[in-house]
Amino acid sequence: MGFLDKLLGRKGVKEASADAPAAVTPDCPHAAVTPRWDSGADMGKTDLVSAYVCEACGARFSREEGETLGASAADRLRIREDERQEGMQR
């Protein structure tokens, strides 16, 4: 036990953390997927996207996977916005 642990009255802090279960990390919904191009001249051309990267977790996706993820994320946001607006009307 360290000096600060004794001073603050902490007992068994190390023992308690060893018994605690490992933190569960939730699956990333990949809602913030951004395109990547091979060269600067190709930027902005959707047909020349080389890959997509999730800004939240850093996962890389092919062009087809990225387009699918982007479309599904947009659909989820539309549904949530509709639900929010319905809740405001009540």
C-alpha atoms as a PDB file:
ATOM      1  CA  MET A   1       0.000   0.000   0.000  1.00  0.00           C
ATOM      2  CA  GLY A   2       1.377   3.369  -1.016  1.00  0.00           C
ATOM      3  CA  PHE A   3       1.600   6.524   1.025  1.00  0.00           C
ATOM      4  CA  LEU A   4      -1.423   8.165  -0.639  1.00  0.00           C
ATOM      5  CA  ASP A   5      -3.504   5.011  -0.219  1.00  0.00           C
ATOM      6  CA  LYS A   6      -2.752   5.036   3.518  1.00  0.00           C
ATOM      7  CA  LEU A   7      -3.415   8.769   3.737  1.00  0.00           C
ATOM      8  CA  LEU A   8      -6.749   8.551   1.925  1.00  0.00           C
ATOM      9  CA  GLY A   9      -7.808   5.374   3.671  1.00  0.00           C
ATOM     10  CA  ARG A  10      -7.936   3.211   0.557  1.00  0.00           C
ATOM     11  CA  LYS A  11      -7.670  -0.440   1.424  1.00  0.00           C
ATOM     12  CA  GLY A  12      -7.356  -3.249  -1.082  1.00  0.00           C
ATOM     13  CA  VAL A  13      -7.683  -1.092  -4.184  1.00  0.00           C
ATOM     14  CA  LYS A  14      -5.375  -3.361  -6.175  1.00  0.00           C
ATOM     15  CA  GLU A  15      -7.169  -6.487  -5.008  1.00  0.00           C
ATOM     16  CA  ALA A  16     -10.610  -5.165  -5.928  1.00  0.00           C
ATOM     17  CA  SER A  17      -9.547  -4.207  -9.434  1.00  0.00           C
ATOM     18  CA  ALA A  18      -8.106  -7.682 -10.051  1.00  0.00           C
ATOM     19  CA  ASP A  19     -11.457  -9.296  -9.162  1.00  0.00           C
ATOM     20  CA  ALA A  20     -13.496  -6.929 -11.327  1.00  0.00           C
ATOM     21  CA  PRO A  21     -14.611  -8.290 -14.709  1.00  0.00           C
ATOM     22  CA  ALA A  22     -12.933  -6.947 -17.820  1.00  0.00           C
ATOM     23  CA  ALA A  23     -14.668  -3.963 -19.370  1.00  0.00           C
ATOM     24  CA  VAL A  24     -16.922  -4.896 -22.251  1.00  0.00           C
ATOM     25  CA  THR A  25     -16.420  -2.825 -25.372  1.00  0.00           C
ATOM     26  CA  PRO A  26     -19.578  -2.364 -27.438  1.00  0.00           C
ATOM     27  CA  ASP A  27     -19.560  -3.063 -31.149  1.00  0.00           C
ATOM     28  CA  CYS A  28     -18.973   0.011 -33.270  1.00  0.00           C
ATOM     29  CA  PRO A  29     -21.975   0.955 -35.458  1.00  0.00           C
ATOM     30  CA  HIS A  30     -19.552   2.464 -38.065  1.00  0.00           C
ATOM     31  CA  ALA A  31     -21.755   5.529 -38.443  1.00  0.00           C
ATOM     32  CA  ALA A  32     -18.870   7.933 -39.178  1.00  0.00           C
ATOM     33  CA  VAL A  33     -17.350   6.338 -42.283  1.00  0.00           C
ATOM     34  CA  THR A  34     -15.205   8.641 -44.441  1.00  0.00           C
ATOM     35  CA  PRO A  35     -13.810   7.958 -47.925  1.00  0.00           C
ATOM     36  CA  ARG A  36     -10.110   7.682 -48.793  1.00  0.00           C
ATOM     37  CA  TRP A  37      -8.544   8.174 -52.215  1.00  0.00           C
ATOM     38  CA  ASP A  38      -5.213   6.978 -53.601  1.00  0.00           C
ATOM     39  CA  SER A  39      -4.218  10.391 -54.909  1.00  0.00           C
ATOM     40  CA  GLY A  40      -5.142  13.989 -54.278  1.00  0.00           C
ATOM     41  CA  ALA A  41      -6.313  14.437 -57.866  1.00  0.00           C
ATOM     42  CA  ASP A  42      -9.008  11.789 -57.295  1.00  0.00           C
ATOM     43  CA  MET A  43     -10.508  13.508 -54.234  1.00  0.00           C
ATOM     44  CA  GLY A  44     -14.224  14.188 -54.513  1.00  0.00           C
ATOM     45  CA  LYS A  45     -14.801  11.587 -57.233  1.00  0.00           C
ATOM     46  CA  THR A  46     -17.014   8.930 -55.682  1.00  0.00           C
ATOM     47  CA  ASP A  47     -16.219   6.372 -58.366  1.00  0.00           C
ATOM     48  CA  LEU A  48     -12.466   6.588 -57.529  1.00  0.00           C
ATOM     49  CA  VAL A  49     -12.748   6.014 -53.749  1.00  0.00           C
ATOM     50  CA  SER A  50     -10.152   3.400 -52.756  1.00  0.00           C
ATOM     51  CA  ALA A  51     -11.392   2.635 -49.224  1.00  0.00           C
ATOM     52  CA  TYR A  52     -13.529   3.891 -46.338  1.00  0.00           C
ATOM     53  CA  VAL A  53     -12.322   4.370 -42.748  1.00  0.00           C
ATOM     54  CA  CYS A  54     -14.508   4.440 -39.643  1.00  0.00           C
ATOM     55  CA  GLU A  55     -13.572   7.544 -37.669  1.00  0.00           C
ATOM     56  CA  ALA A  56     -14.762   6.002 -34.394  1.00  0.00           C
ATOM     57  CA  CYS A  57     -12.819   2.716 -34.375  1.00  0.00           C
ATOM     58  CA  GLY A  58     -10.367   3.045 -37.286  1.00  0.00           C
ATOM     59  CA  ALA A  59     -11.628  -0.006 -39.182  1.00  0.00           C
ATOM     60  CA  ARG A  60     -11.003   0.005 -42.947  1.00  0.00           C
ATOM     61  CA  PHE A  61     -13.593  -1.092 -45.501  1.00  0.00           C
ATOM     62  CA  SER A  62     -13.625  -1.643 -49.243  1.00  0.00           C
ATOM     63  CA  ARG A  63     -15.493   0.806 -51.451  1.00  0.00           C
ATOM     64  CA  GLU A  64     -18.556  -1.446 -51.663  1.00  0.00           C
ATOM     65  CA  GLU A  65     -18.655  -2.096 -47.907  1.00  0.00           C
ATOM     66  CA  GLY A  66     -18.197   1.603 -47.136  1.00  0.00           C
ATOM     67  CA  GLU A  67     -21.023   2.643 -49.419  1.00  0.00           C
ATOM     68  CA  THR A  68     -23.311   0.077 -47.793  1.00  0.00           C
ATOM     69  CA  LEU A  69     -22.346   1.227 -44.286  1.00  0.00           C
ATOM     70  CA  GLY A  70     -22.863   4.877 -45.211  1.00  0.00           C
ATOM     71  CA  ALA A  71     -26.313   4.188 -46.631  1.00  0.00           C
ATOM     72  CA  SER A  72     -27.408   2.132 -43.602  1.00  0.00           C
ATOM     73  CA  ALA A  73     -26.121   4.817 -41.207  1.00  0.00           C
ATOM     74  CA  ALA A  74     -28.092   7.462 -43.091  1.00  0.00           C
ATOM     75  CA  ASP A  75     -31.236   5.313 -42.847  1.00  0.00           C
ATOM     76  CA  ARG A  76     -30.741   4.874 -39.081  1.00  0.00           C
ATOM     77  CA  LEU A  77     -30.397   8.640 -38.644  1.00  0.00           C
ATOM     78  CA  ARG A  78     -33.552   9.305 -40.649  1.00  0.00           C
ATOM     79  CA  ILE A  79     -35.516   6.845 -38.538  1.00  0.00           C
ATOM     80  CA  ARG A  80     -34.223   8.387 -35.305  1.00  0.00           C
ATOM     81  CA  GLU A  81     -35.075  11.884 -36.534  1.00  0.00           C
ATOM     82  CA  ASP A  82     -38.614  10.772 -37.418  1.00  0.00           C
ATOM     83  CA  GLU A  83     -39.015   9.210 -33.954  1.00  0.00           C
ATOM     84  CA  ARG A  84     -37.710  12.393 -32.331  1.00  0.00           C
ATOM     85  CA  GLN A  85     -40.167  14.555 -34.240  1.00  0.00           C
ATOM     86  CA  GLU A  86     -43.064  12.253 -33.345  1.00  0.00           C
ATOM     87  CA  GLY A  87     -42.075  12.491 -29.680  1.00  0.00           C
ATOM     88  CA  MET A  88     -42.112  16.294 -29.872  1.00  0.00           C
ATOM     89  CA  GLN A  89     -45.654  16.310 -31.281  1.00  0.00           C
ATOM     90  CA  ARG A  90     -47.053  14.355 -28.354  1.00  0.00           C
END
